[in-house]
Amino acid sequence: MDVLREVIALRQAGDVQASLVLVDRSLAEGMSSNYLLDNRARALAQLNRENEAIQIWEVLSKCSDLELQEKSKRFIFQQKCRSVVQRVMHLSRLGDAREALAVLDRAQAEGIENDMLLDNRARIFVQLNRHVEAISIWKKLSRSDPRKYNVILILSL
């Protein structure tokens, strides 16, 4: 599919908007491809239109192509994590550590958690003077990435 190659090449070259225009034009002309939809979602995500991207990946996560299903689920998770991190960092910069922790708690309840979110949780705990909890998280994280988190542990002791 030459159109798909061109869409990908445009996006990878940094011309995300042109890539999106080509996808939309191709779909409007009747072309049907889950891979075009996936590339549309990727372009939307790069343009900070995450909600639209997630909607597409939600549909693709139920398609018959198992590989595309898994990729879509992974992209949904990544976008949700990214959104939580951005919100938490914004609240943290505003000095609203309690609300940042509430955002992390809601995300965790929804199954959205990874090392980056755990690290942010520890940093919020430090802002809230809950150092023991922060150190506990960093100790756990240091088992998976000692070089990164051991430095934080040493500095926090």
C-alpha atoms as a PDB file:
ATOM      1  CA  MET A   1       0.000   0.000   0.000  1.00  0.00           C
ATOM      2  CA  ASP A   2       1.873   3.053  -1.291  1.00  0.00           C
ATOM      3  CA  VAL A   3      -0.359   5.506   0.554  1.00  0.00           C
ATOM      4  CA  LEU A   4       0.461   3.892   3.887  1.00  0.00           C
ATOM      5  CA  ARG A   5       4.193   4.105   3.188  1.00  0.00           C
ATOM      6  CA  GLU A   6       3.818   7.789   2.313  1.00  0.00           C
ATOM      7  CA  VAL A   7       1.743   8.454   5.454  1.00  0.00           C
ATOM      8  CA  ILE A   8       4.392   6.825   7.626  1.00  0.00           C
ATOM      9  CA  ALA A   9       7.259   8.584   5.836  1.00  0.00           C
ATOM     10  CA  LEU A  10       5.612  11.990   6.279  1.00  0.00           C
ATOM     11  CA  ARG A  11       4.949  11.386   9.954  1.00  0.00           C
ATOM     12  CA  GLN A  12       8.456  10.086  10.617  1.00  0.00           C
ATOM     13  CA  ALA A  13       9.944  13.048   8.747  1.00  0.00           C
ATOM     14  CA  GLY A  14       8.126  15.339  11.157  1.00  0.00           C
ATOM     15  CA  ASP A  15       5.385  16.493   8.799  1.00  0.00           C
ATOM     16  CA  VAL A  16       2.656  15.115  11.019  1.00  0.00           C
ATOM     17  CA  GLN A  17      -0.030  17.466   9.737  1.00  0.00           C
ATOM     18  CA  ALA A  18       0.587  16.442   6.100  1.00  0.00           C
ATOM     19  CA  SER A  19       0.485  12.796   7.163  1.00  0.00           C
ATOM     20  CA  LEU A  20      -2.872  13.351   8.849  1.00  0.00           C
ATOM     21  CA  VAL A  21      -4.252  15.180   5.796  1.00  0.00           C
ATOM     22  CA  LEU A  22      -3.209  12.289   3.549  1.00  0.00           C
ATOM     23  CA  VAL A  23      -4.831   9.736   5.860  1.00  0.00           C
ATOM     24  CA  ASP A  24      -8.057  11.729   6.039  1.00  0.00           C
ATOM     25  CA  ARG A  25      -8.161  12.228   2.284  1.00  0.00           C
ATOM     26  CA  SER A  26      -7.541   8.519   1.667  1.00  0.00           C
ATOM     27  CA  LEU A  27     -10.283   7.501   4.086  1.00  0.00           C
ATOM     28  CA  ALA A  28     -12.681  10.040   2.544  1.00  0.00           C
ATOM     29  CA  GLU A  29     -11.950   8.547  -0.894  1.00  0.00           C
ATOM     30  CA  GLY A  30     -13.128   5.177   0.386  1.00  0.00           C
ATOM     31  CA  MET A  31      -9.852   3.548   1.297  1.00  0.00           C
ATOM     32  CA  SER A  32     -10.350   1.223   4.254  1.00  0.00           C
ATOM     33  CA  SER A  33      -7.416   0.099   6.356  1.00  0.00           C
ATOM     34  CA  ASN A  34      -6.909  -0.442  10.059  1.00  0.00           C
ATOM     35  CA  TYR A  35      -3.263   0.496   9.510  1.00  0.00           C
ATOM     36  CA  LEU A  36      -4.324   3.859   8.089  1.00  0.00           C
ATOM     37  CA  LEU A  37      -6.489   4.344  11.168  1.00  0.00           C
ATOM     38  CA  ASP A  38      -3.554   3.405  13.402  1.00  0.00           C
ATOM     39  CA  ASN A  39      -1.376   5.974  11.666  1.00  0.00           C
ATOM     40  CA  ARG A  40      -4.151   8.535  11.999  1.00  0.00           C
ATOM     41  CA  ALA A  41      -4.175   7.878  15.746  1.00  0.00           C
ATOM     42  CA  ARG A  42      -0.391   8.163  15.938  1.00  0.00           C
ATOM     43  CA  ALA A  43      -0.483  11.498  14.109  1.00  0.00           C
ATOM     44  CA  LEU A  44      -3.248  12.776  16.376  1.00  0.00           C
ATOM     45  CA  ALA A  45      -1.239  11.761  19.436  1.00  0.00           C
ATOM     46  CA  GLN A  46       1.812  13.598  18.094  1.00  0.00           C
ATOM     47  CA  LEU A  47      -0.389  16.669  17.628  1.00  0.00           C
ATOM     48  CA  ASN A  48      -1.445  16.423  21.306  1.00  0.00           C
ATOM     49  CA  ARG A  49      -4.934  15.280  20.358  1.00  0.00           C
ATOM     50  CA  GLU A  50      -4.689  12.260  22.647  1.00  0.00           C
ATOM     51  CA  ASN A  51      -8.407  11.784  23.256  1.00  0.00           C
ATOM     52  CA  GLU A  52      -9.090  11.422  19.531  1.00  0.00           C
ATOM     53  CA  ALA A  53      -6.169   9.028  19.208  1.00  0.00           C
ATOM     54  CA  ILE A  54      -7.378   6.920  22.114  1.00  0.00           C
ATOM     55  CA  GLN A  55     -10.855   6.681  20.561  1.00  0.00           C
ATOM     56  CA  ILE A  56      -9.346   5.214  17.389  1.00  0.00           C
ATOM     57  CA  TRP A  57      -7.101   2.815  19.324  1.00  0.00           C
ATOM     58  CA  GLU A  58     -10.102   1.697  21.383  1.00  0.00           C
ATOM     59  CA  VAL A  59     -11.782   0.601  18.135  1.00  0.00           C
ATOM     60  CA  LEU A  60      -8.590  -1.018  16.834  1.00  0.00           C
ATOM     61  CA  SER A  61      -8.084  -2.872  20.114  1.00  0.00           C
ATOM     62  CA  LYS A  62     -11.107  -4.943  19.105  1.00  0.00           C
ATOM     63  CA  CYS A  63     -10.144  -5.573  15.465  1.00  0.00           C
ATOM     64  CA  SER A  64      -9.361  -9.018  14.050  1.00  0.00           C
ATOM     65  CA  ASP A  65      -5.621  -8.323  13.640  1.00  0.00           C
ATOM     66  CA  LEU A  66      -4.099  -9.584  16.916  1.00  0.00           C
ATOM     67  CA  GLU A  67      -0.843  -7.664  16.483  1.00  0.00           C
ATOM     68  CA  LEU A  68      -2.704  -4.415  15.883  1.00  0.00           C
ATOM     69  CA  GLN A  69      -4.963  -5.168  18.856  1.00  0.00           C
ATOM     70  CA  GLU A  70      -1.957  -5.458  21.167  1.00  0.00           C
ATOM     71  CA  LYS A  71      -0.241  -2.364  19.746  1.00  0.00           C
ATOM     72  CA  SER A  72      -3.454  -0.385  20.173  1.00  0.00           C
ATOM     73  CA  LYS A  73      -3.848  -1.483  23.782  1.00  0.00           C
ATOM     74  CA  ARG A  74      -0.225  -0.555  24.466  1.00  0.00           C
ATOM     75  CA  PHE A  75      -0.662   2.895  22.860  1.00  0.00           C
ATOM     76  CA  ILE A  76      -3.840   3.506  24.884  1.00  0.00           C
ATOM     77  CA  PHE A  77      -1.986   2.671  28.087  1.00  0.00           C
ATOM     78  CA  GLN A  78       0.995   4.857  27.124  1.00  0.00           C
ATOM     79  CA  GLN A  79      -1.229   7.823  26.298  1.00  0.00           C
ATOM     80  CA  LYS A  80      -3.151   7.473  29.558  1.00  0.00           C
ATOM     81  CA  CYS A  81       0.114   7.303  31.532  1.00  0.00           C
ATOM     82  CA  ARG A  82       1.458  10.331  29.693  1.00  0.00           C
ATOM     83  CA  SER A  83      -1.707  12.277  30.428  1.00  0.00           C
ATOM     84  CA  VAL A  84      -1.551  11.409  34.138  1.00  0.00           C
ATOM     85  CA  VAL A  85       2.129  12.394  34.356  1.00  0.00           C
ATOM     86  CA  GLN A  86       1.463  15.730  32.663  1.00  0.00           C
ATOM     87  CA  ARG A  87      -1.435  16.472  35.018  1.00  0.00           C
ATOM     88  CA  VAL A  88       0.553  15.440  38.112  1.00  0.00           C
ATOM     89  CA  MET A  89       3.580  17.517  37.103  1.00  0.00           C
ATOM     90  CA  HIS A  90       1.368  20.529  36.443  1.00  0.00           C
ATOM     91  CA  LEU A  91      -0.317  20.220  39.836  1.00  0.00           C
ATOM     92  CA  SER A  92       3.055  19.669  41.504  1.00  0.00           C
ATOM     93  CA  ARG A  93       4.469  22.851  39.952  1.00  0.00           C
ATOM     94  CA  LEU A  94       1.419  24.709  41.255  1.00  0.00           C
ATOM     95  CA  GLY A  95       2.172  23.363  44.725  1.00  0.00           C
ATOM     96  CA  ASP A  96      -0.999  21.266  44.840  1.00  0.00           C
ATOM     97  CA  ALA A  97       0.579  17.999  45.943  1.00  0.00           C
ATOM     98  CA  ARG A  98      -2.626  16.683  47.523  1.00  0.00           C
ATOM     99  CA  GLU A  99      -4.547  16.996  44.257  1.00  0.00           C
ATOM    100  CA  ALA A 100      -1.609  15.473  42.372  1.00  0.00           C
ATOM    101  CA  LEU A 101      -1.729  12.484  44.729  1.00  0.00           C
ATOM    102  CA  ALA A 102      -5.499  12.214  44.173  1.00  0.00           C
ATOM    103  CA  VAL A 103      -4.885  12.077  40.403  1.00  0.00           C
ATOM    104  CA  LEU A 104      -2.333   9.305  40.924  1.00  0.00           C
ATOM    105  CA  ASP A 105      -4.747   7.438  43.206  1.00  0.00           C
ATOM    106  CA  ARG A 106      -7.533   7.598  40.592  1.00  0.00           C
ATOM    107  CA  ALA A 107      -5.156   6.407  37.879  1.00  0.00           C
ATOM    108  CA  GLN A 108      -3.959   3.533  40.061  1.00  0.00           C
ATOM    109  CA  ALA A 109      -7.581   2.524  40.770  1.00  0.00           C
ATOM    110  CA  GLU A 110      -8.136   2.390  36.986  1.00  0.00           C
ATOM    111  CA  GLY A 111      -5.088   0.147  36.536  1.00  0.00           C
ATOM    112  CA  ILE A 112      -2.900   2.916  35.148  1.00  0.00           C
ATOM    113  CA  GLU A 113       0.485   2.567  36.797  1.00  0.00           C
ATOM    114  CA  ASN A 114       4.086   2.161  35.691  1.00  0.00           C
ATOM    115  CA  ASP A 115       7.546   3.040  37.007  1.00  0.00           C
ATOM    116  CA  MET A 116       7.250   6.656  35.872  1.00  0.00           C
ATOM    117  CA  LEU A 117       3.968   7.098  37.745  1.00  0.00           C
ATOM    118  CA  LEU A 118       5.378   5.376  40.822  1.00  0.00           C
ATOM    119  CA  ASP A 119       8.382   7.707  40.729  1.00  0.00           C
ATOM    120  CA  ASN A 120       6.029  10.684  40.501  1.00  0.00           C
ATOM    121  CA  ARG A 121       4.046   9.291  43.443  1.00  0.00           C
ATOM    122  CA  ALA A 122       7.270   9.155  45.479  1.00  0.00           C
ATOM    123  CA  ARG A 123       8.123  12.730  44.526  1.00  0.00           C
ATOM    124  CA  ILE A 124       4.651  13.865  45.594  1.00  0.00           C
ATOM    125  CA  PHE A 125       5.117  12.031  48.892  1.00  0.00           C
ATOM    126  CA  VAL A 126       8.306  14.051  49.419  1.00  0.00           C
ATOM    127  CA  GLN A 127       6.352  17.265  48.791  1.00  0.00           C
ATOM    128  CA  LEU A 128       3.861  16.090  51.412  1.00  0.00           C
ATOM    129  CA  ASN A 129       6.700  15.278  53.857  1.00  0.00           C
ATOM    130  CA  ARG A 130       5.874  11.574  53.640  1.00  0.00           C
ATOM    131  CA  HIS A 131       9.493  10.563  53.144  1.00  0.00           C
ATOM    132  CA  VAL A 132       9.208   7.004  54.441  1.00  0.00           C
ATOM    133  CA  GLU A 133       6.591   6.191  51.781  1.00  0.00           C
ATOM    134  CA  ALA A 134       8.691   7.862  49.090  1.00  0.00           C
ATOM    135  CA  ILE A 135      11.789   5.884  50.050  1.00  0.00           C
ATOM    136  CA  SER A 136       9.759   2.674  50.075  1.00  0.00           C
ATOM    137  CA  ILE A 137       8.659   3.291  46.485  1.00  0.00           C
ATOM    138  CA  TRP A 138      12.181   4.162  45.343  1.00  0.00           C
ATOM    139  CA  LYS A 139      13.540   0.999  47.006  1.00  0.00           C
ATOM    140  CA  LYS A 140      11.013  -1.031  45.041  1.00  0.00           C
ATOM    141  CA  LEU A 141      11.895   0.807  41.825  1.00  0.00           C
ATOM    142  CA  SER A 142      15.630   0.389  42.434  1.00  0.00           C
ATOM    143  CA  ARG A 143      15.204  -3.366  42.072  1.00  0.00           C
ATOM    144  CA  SER A 144      14.115  -2.899  38.448  1.00  0.00           C
ATOM    145  CA  ASP A 145      16.474  -0.015  37.571  1.00  0.00           C
ATOM    146  CA  PRO A 146      19.259   0.257  40.181  1.00  0.00           C
ATOM    147  CA  ARG A 147      21.340   2.901  38.402  1.00  0.00           C
ATOM    148  CA  LYS A 148      18.413   5.296  38.126  1.00  0.00           C
ATOM    149  CA  TYR A 149      16.725   4.872  41.485  1.00  0.00           C
ATOM    150  CA  ASN A 150      19.694   4.109  43.770  1.00  0.00           C
ATOM    151  CA  VAL A 151      20.907   7.677  43.169  1.00  0.00           C
ATOM    152  CA  ILE A 152      17.550   9.024  44.273  1.00  0.00           C
ATOM    153  CA  LEU A 153      17.638   6.788  47.352  1.00  0.00           C
ATOM    154  CA  ILE A 154      21.111   7.977  48.315  1.00  0.00           C
ATOM    155  CA  LEU A 155      20.144  11.609  47.878  1.00  0.00           C
ATOM    156  CA  SER A 156      16.977  11.196  49.924  1.00  0.00           C
ATOM    157  CA  LEU A 157      18.640   9.585  52.947  1.00  0.00           C
END
